[in-house]
Amino acid sequence: MNYQFHTAEELLTLTKKYAMPIHEVVLRHEMDFSHMTEEQVRERMKKRMGVMKDGILQMREYPKISVSGMSGKATEKIDAFLRHHPHDAAVGETGLRAMLYALATAENNASMGCITAFPTAGSSGIIPGVLFAAQEKYMASDDQLLNALFTASGIGLIIAENATLSGAEGGCQAEVGSATAMAAAAVSEMRGGSPEQCLHAAALALKNMLGLTCDPVGGMVEVPCVKRSALAAVYTLAASDLAIAGIESFIPFDQVLEAMEHIGRLISPKLRETSLGGLAVTATARSVEEKLGITINGANKEGPCGSCAACIPNEV
């Protein structure tokens, strides 16, 4: 049997051909690719899941402030809100938990903790935030959570092959946007959604992230990355709700990816992880750079094309 796929359309065809959910096709794809047994592949994913869980627990039990001081307090505040006012949350308790777990992961990363970069460090909070919160709400087993991680991985493979997961190449739409698509498909399958619904959830999630810029303050993965991840986690749950309710993306997932790749090429290099535009050049951001002694390559200069100035010699 052949479980190779390169597009969402091919993945969907395989789920129909073999009467399998997405996670099963992805698992067998990985077995073929890695020449490992099912037990070995699942065990490897369990280790990654364990890193995600441990990182969240570590940040909740031992909150840390990042070296820059820009992050490290949000997890503690949302945790307290969840404990004392869970029913007051406008996004509901599940949304609150998704934000908490996303923040814990992102702040753990910002304070040099161990994370699973799934799909990237900057977007690492979204998938665990969504899936661990959903696991509690739907009382899913660890095996079901593991299956969801394979589903997310399958969507990530398609994105990586047909577009990009790199903020430096495609802007934050490629990092946070990709993570929302991966998580939306995964949580939809965990809820019993069909492969079609999972792919619609992924498309709906990614469409609303198109054009998102990567403009980190001081070149660090903190502002706006940490809080953006929390908001994206809630947004992902909404995309899943739309798909489970039967709402479809008018544009198929593969074509949404084409659009993301095209938009990424149109986004100025100043808004692709160089910290030369957007939030990264605000007065507050510049004061942080000055305080920390950070010098951004190309700051206050432009190259012949009007962008990053990387071509100009003698930059520090």
Protein backbone atom coordinates (compact mmCIF):
# COMPACT_ATOMS: atom_id res chain seq x y z
CA MET A 1 0.00 0.00 0.00
CA ASN A 2 1.16 3.51 -0.80
CA TYR A 3 0.57 6.20 1.81
CA GLN A 4 2.58 8.99 0.17
CA PHE A 5 0.88 12.37 -0.23
CA HIS A 6 2.03 15.84 -1.19
CA THR A 7 -1.20 17.85 -1.11
CA ALA A 8 -4.37 18.00 0.95
CA GLU A 9 -6.29 16.63 -2.02
CA GLU A 10 -4.00 13.60 -2.17
CA LEU A 11 -4.30 13.10 1.59
CA LEU A 12 -8.08 13.20 1.35
CA THR A 13 -8.01 10.68 -1.50
CA LEU A 14 -5.97 8.28 0.66
CA THR A 15 -8.40 8.58 3.59
CA LYS A 16 -11.20 7.54 1.23
CA LYS A 17 -9.21 4.83 -0.53
CA TYR A 18 -8.19 3.09 2.70
CA ALA A 19 -11.20 4.16 4.82
CA MET A 20 -8.86 5.73 7.37
CA PRO A 21 -8.86 8.95 9.36
CA ILE A 22 -6.12 11.45 8.61
CA HIS A 23 -3.96 10.46 11.56
CA GLU A 24 -3.80 6.85 10.40
CA VAL A 25 -2.65 7.78 6.90
CA VAL A 26 -0.02 10.13 8.34
CA LEU A 27 1.19 7.46 10.75
CA ARG A 28 1.64 4.94 7.96
CA HIS A 29 3.28 7.59 5.79
CA GLU A 30 5.84 8.12 8.55
CA MET A 31 6.36 4.38 8.96
CA ASP A 32 7.16 4.10 5.25
CA PHE A 33 9.42 7.14 5.29
CA SER A 34 11.36 6.29 8.47
CA HIS A 35 11.33 2.48 8.09
CA MET A 36 10.15 2.28 11.69
CA THR A 37 7.40 0.18 13.21
CA GLU A 38 4.09 1.67 14.32
CA GLU A 39 5.14 1.23 17.94
CA GLN A 40 8.41 3.06 17.33
CA VAL A 41 6.75 5.95 15.52
CA ARG A 42 4.09 6.36 18.19
CA GLU A 43 6.70 6.17 20.95
CA ARG A 44 8.70 8.93 19.30
CA MET A 45 5.61 11.13 19.14
CA LYS A 46 4.84 10.33 22.79
CA LYS A 47 8.21 11.78 23.75
CA ARG A 48 7.39 15.00 21.95
CA MET A 49 3.99 15.09 23.62
CA GLY A 50 5.75 14.63 26.96
CA VAL A 51 7.99 17.61 26.31
CA MET A 52 4.90 19.72 25.60
CA LYS A 53 3.20 18.63 28.83
CA ASP A 54 6.32 19.09 30.95
CA GLY A 55 6.91 22.59 29.59
CA ILE A 56 3.40 23.69 30.49
CA LEU A 57 3.61 22.22 33.98
CA GLN A 58 7.04 23.74 34.55
CA MET A 59 5.89 27.23 33.64
CA ARG A 60 2.73 26.98 35.73
CA GLU A 61 4.54 25.71 38.82
CA TYR A 62 7.67 27.81 38.50
CA PRO A 63 6.87 31.01 36.57
CA LYS A 64 9.93 32.69 35.11
CA ILE A 65 10.56 36.12 33.66
CA SER A 66 12.51 36.20 30.42
CA VAL A 67 15.95 37.82 30.31
CA SER A 68 14.52 40.78 28.41
CA GLY A 69 11.69 41.19 30.91
CA MET A 70 9.15 41.35 28.09
CA SER A 71 7.43 38.07 28.97
CA GLY A 72 6.86 35.69 31.85
CA LYS A 73 3.91 37.15 33.73
CA ALA A 74 0.98 36.26 31.47
CA THR A 75 0.85 32.55 32.35
CA GLU A 76 0.52 33.28 36.04
CA LYS A 77 -2.24 35.83 35.49
CA ILE A 78 -4.34 33.62 33.22
CA ASP A 79 -3.80 30.68 35.57
CA ALA A 80 -5.18 32.74 38.45
CA PHE A 81 -8.12 33.89 36.33
CA LEU A 82 -8.89 30.27 35.43
CA ARG A 83 -8.82 29.19 39.07
CA HIS A 84 -10.92 32.03 40.47
CA HIS A 85 -13.18 33.17 37.62
CA PRO A 86 -13.51 30.35 35.06
CA HIS A 87 -17.13 31.15 34.30
CA ASP A 88 -16.42 34.83 33.66
CA ALA A 89 -14.31 34.16 30.59
CA ALA A 90 -15.87 35.52 27.40
CA VAL A 91 -14.18 32.72 25.45
CA GLY A 92 -15.40 30.06 27.87
CA GLU A 93 -13.36 27.80 30.10
CA THR A 94 -11.95 25.78 27.21
CA GLY A 95 -10.80 28.92 25.43
CA LEU A 96 -9.23 30.13 28.67
CA ARG A 97 -7.37 26.85 29.07
CA ALA A 98 -6.18 26.99 25.48
CA MET A 99 -4.77 30.46 26.12
CA LEU A 100 -3.16 29.31 29.37
CA TYR A 101 -1.39 26.34 27.81
CA ALA A 102 -0.33 28.36 24.78
CA LEU A 103 1.06 31.13 26.98
CA ALA A 104 2.85 28.66 29.24
CA THR A 105 4.55 27.06 26.27
CA ALA A 106 5.49 30.34 24.62
CA GLU A 107 6.77 31.89 27.83
CA ASN A 108 8.70 28.73 28.64
CA ASN A 109 10.38 29.08 25.26
CA ALA A 110 11.13 32.77 25.88
CA SER A 111 12.80 31.92 29.19
CA MET A 112 15.05 29.27 27.61
CA GLY A 113 12.91 26.30 28.63
CA CYS A 114 12.57 23.09 26.65
CA ILE A 115 9.79 23.02 24.05
CA THR A 116 8.66 21.07 21.03
CA ALA A 117 9.01 23.44 18.06
CA PHE A 118 5.77 22.34 16.48
CA PRO A 119 5.91 23.68 13.85
CA THR A 120 8.31 26.44 14.98
CA ALA A 121 9.51 27.94 18.25
CA GLY A 122 7.58 31.14 17.67
CA SER A 123 4.31 29.27 17.16
CA SER A 124 5.01 26.40 19.55
CA GLY A 125 2.23 27.27 22.00
CA ILE A 126 -0.74 26.96 19.66
CA ILE A 127 -0.96 23.22 19.04
CA PRO A 128 -0.45 22.14 22.68
CA GLY A 129 -2.69 24.97 23.83
CA VAL A 130 -5.56 23.85 21.63
CA LEU A 131 -5.14 20.10 21.99
CA PHE A 132 -4.56 19.86 25.74
CA ALA A 133 -7.55 22.14 26.36
CA ALA A 134 -9.68 20.06 23.98
CA GLN A 135 -8.51 16.84 25.61
CA GLU A 136 -9.90 18.06 28.93
CA LYS A 137 -13.16 19.30 27.45
CA TYR A 138 -13.90 16.17 25.43
CA MET A 139 -12.32 13.78 27.95
CA ALA A 140 -10.09 12.36 25.23
CA SER A 141 -7.50 9.74 26.03
CA ASP A 142 -3.76 10.21 25.60
CA ASP A 143 -3.97 7.92 22.58
CA GLN A 144 -6.56 10.23 21.02
CA LEU A 145 -4.31 13.19 21.75
CA LEU A 146 -1.43 11.34 20.14
CA ASN A 147 -3.55 10.69 17.07
CA ALA A 148 -4.36 14.39 16.88
CA LEU A 149 -0.65 15.19 16.85
CA PHE A 150 -0.21 12.94 13.82
CA THR A 151 -3.08 14.76 12.10
CA ALA A 152 -1.41 18.08 12.83
CA SER A 153 1.86 16.70 11.50
CA GLY A 154 0.23 15.69 8.23
CA ILE A 155 -1.04 19.21 7.66
CA GLY A 156 2.40 20.55 8.55
CA LEU A 157 4.05 18.28 5.98
CA ILE A 158 1.78 19.62 3.26
CA ILE A 159 2.48 23.23 4.25
CA ALA A 160 6.24 22.69 4.38
CA GLU A 161 6.30 21.08 0.95
CA ASN A 162 4.02 23.53 -0.84
CA ALA A 163 4.68 26.81 0.96
CA THR A 164 6.84 27.48 4.02
CA LEU A 165 6.85 27.29 7.82
CA SER A 166 9.47 30.03 8.15
CA GLY A 167 8.65 33.52 9.33
CA ALA A 168 11.82 34.77 7.65
CA GLU A 169 10.53 33.48 4.34
CA GLY A 170 6.79 34.00 4.56
CA GLY A 171 6.02 36.23 7.52
CA CYS A 172 4.13 35.16 10.62
CA GLN A 173 1.33 33.74 8.48
CA ALA A 174 3.81 30.91 7.82
CA GLU A 175 4.43 30.27 11.52
CA VAL A 176 1.34 31.13 13.56
CA GLY A 177 -0.89 30.71 10.51
CA SER A 178 0.47 27.24 9.83
CA ALA A 179 0.13 26.27 13.49
CA THR A 180 -3.53 27.30 13.52
CA ALA A 181 -4.21 25.22 10.41
CA MET A 182 -2.46 22.20 11.92
CA ALA A 183 -4.25 22.57 15.24
CA ALA A 184 -7.65 23.20 13.65
CA ALA A 185 -7.47 19.97 11.67
CA ALA A 186 -6.20 18.05 14.68
CA VAL A 187 -8.82 19.22 17.15
CA SER A 188 -11.56 18.67 14.58
CA GLU A 189 -10.54 15.04 14.21
CA MET A 190 -10.34 14.67 18.00
CA ARG A 191 -13.98 15.84 18.10
CA GLY A 192 -15.04 13.21 15.58
CA GLY A 193 -14.86 15.37 12.48
CA SER A 194 -14.50 13.79 9.06
CA PRO A 195 -11.32 14.24 6.99
CA GLU A 196 -13.22 16.76 4.86
CA GLN A 197 -14.21 18.75 7.95
CA CYS A 198 -10.64 18.65 9.24
CA LEU A 199 -9.30 20.12 6.01
CA HIS A 200 -12.02 22.77 5.93
CA ALA A 201 -11.09 23.72 9.50
CA ALA A 202 -7.45 24.02 8.44
CA ALA A 203 -8.37 26.18 5.45
CA LEU A 204 -10.68 28.42 7.47
CA ALA A 205 -7.99 28.93 10.10
CA LEU A 206 -5.21 29.69 7.66
CA LYS A 207 -7.27 32.04 5.48
CA ASN A 208 -7.75 34.49 8.31
CA MET A 209 -4.01 34.54 9.03
CA LEU A 210 -2.94 35.43 5.50
CA GLY A 211 -0.70 38.49 5.38
CA LEU A 212 0.28 38.33 9.07
CA THR A 213 3.66 39.98 9.53
CA CYS A 214 6.66 38.76 11.52
CA ASP A 215 7.94 41.82 13.37
CA PRO A 216 9.51 40.66 16.67
CA VAL A 217 10.69 43.35 19.06
CA GLY A 218 14.45 43.22 19.44
CA GLY A 219 14.60 40.16 17.21
CA MET A 220 13.42 37.98 20.10
CA VAL A 221 10.56 35.48 20.10
CA GLU A 222 8.52 37.34 22.70
CA VAL A 223 6.59 40.38 21.48
CA PRO A 224 4.18 39.93 19.79
CA CYS A 225 4.77 36.16 19.55
CA VAL A 226 3.76 35.06 23.06
CA LYS A 227 0.37 36.75 23.33
CA ARG A 228 -0.33 36.25 19.64
CA SER A 229 -0.11 32.50 20.28
CA ALA A 230 -2.72 32.73 23.02
CA LEU A 231 -5.14 34.60 20.78
CA ALA A 232 -4.47 32.24 17.89
CA ALA A 233 -5.31 29.25 20.07
CA VAL A 234 -8.81 30.59 20.73
CA TYR A 235 -9.24 31.51 17.10
CA THR A 236 -8.30 27.95 16.13
CA LEU A 237 -11.10 26.54 18.27
CA ALA A 238 -13.52 28.86 16.46
CA ALA A 239 -12.33 27.57 13.07
CA SER A 240 -12.97 24.02 14.25
CA ASP A 241 -16.45 24.96 15.44
CA LEU A 242 -17.27 26.40 12.03
CA ALA A 243 -16.14 23.23 10.26
CA ILE A 244 -17.87 20.86 12.66
CA ALA A 245 -21.06 22.89 12.19
CA GLY A 246 -20.84 22.09 8.49
CA ILE A 247 -19.40 25.38 7.24
CA GLU A 248 -16.93 24.87 4.41
CA SER A 249 -14.04 26.94 3.12
CA PHE A 250 -14.93 28.24 -0.32
CA ILE A 251 -11.23 28.08 -1.23
CA PRO A 252 -9.75 24.55 -0.87
CA PHE A 253 -6.81 24.15 1.50
CA ASP A 254 -4.26 23.55 -1.25
CA GLN A 255 -5.25 26.81 -2.94
CA VAL A 256 -5.09 28.66 0.37
CA LEU A 257 -1.51 27.42 0.62
CA GLU A 258 -0.77 28.74 -2.86
CA ALA A 259 -2.09 32.10 -1.75
CA MET A 260 0.03 32.04 1.41
CA GLU A 261 3.18 31.28 -0.56
CA HIS A 262 2.39 34.09 -3.02
CA ILE A 263 1.62 36.58 -0.25
CA GLY A 264 4.83 35.62 1.54
CA ARG A 265 6.85 36.66 -1.49
CA LEU A 266 5.00 39.99 -1.59
CA ILE A 267 5.59 40.83 2.07
CA SER A 268 8.47 43.25 2.51
CA PRO A 269 11.66 41.77 4.03
CA LYS A 270 11.21 44.39 6.73
CA LEU A 271 8.19 42.40 7.91
CA ARG A 272 9.78 38.97 7.70
CA GLU A 273 11.65 38.44 10.97
CA THR A 274 14.25 41.15 10.35
CA SER A 275 12.81 43.46 13.03
CA LEU A 276 13.05 46.36 10.59
CA GLY A 277 9.35 47.18 10.38
CA GLY A 278 5.98 46.99 12.07
CA LEU A 279 5.89 46.63 15.85
CA ALA A 280 9.65 46.18 15.92
CA VAL A 281 10.29 49.83 15.00
CA THR A 282 7.85 51.46 17.41
CA ALA A 283 9.20 53.82 20.05
CA THR A 284 8.62 51.23 22.76
CA ALA A 285 10.47 48.58 20.78
CA ARG A 286 13.43 50.87 20.15
CA SER A 287 13.64 51.72 23.85
CA VAL A 288 13.82 48.01 24.66
CA GLU A 289 16.65 47.56 22.16
CA GLU A 290 18.53 50.47 23.68
CA LYS A 291 18.05 49.17 27.21
CA LEU A 292 19.27 45.69 26.28
CA GLY A 293 22.06 46.90 24.03
CA ILE A 294 20.57 45.29 20.93
CA THR A 295 21.64 46.47 17.49
CA ILE A 296 19.46 45.38 14.59
CA ASN A 297 21.34 44.85 11.34
CA GLY A 298 20.13 47.36 8.77
CA ALA A 299 18.20 49.56 11.21
CA ASN A 300 17.71 53.12 9.98
CA LYS A 301 19.01 52.19 6.53
CA GLU A 302 17.52 50.88 3.33
CA GLY A 303 19.05 48.91 0.50
CA PRO A 304 18.63 49.86 -3.18
CA CYS A 305 15.34 47.97 -3.24
CA GLY A 306 14.04 49.94 -0.26
CA SER A 307 14.06 46.97 2.08
CA CYS A 308 16.42 45.27 4.51
CA ALA A 309 19.83 46.84 3.69
CA ALA A 310 21.55 43.47 4.02
CA CYS A 311 23.50 44.35 0.87
CA ILE A 312 25.08 47.41 2.51
CA PRO A 313 28.61 46.61 3.81
CA ASN A 314 30.01 47.34 7.28
CA GLU A 315 26.77 46.74 9.14
CA VAL A 316 27.12 45.61 12.75
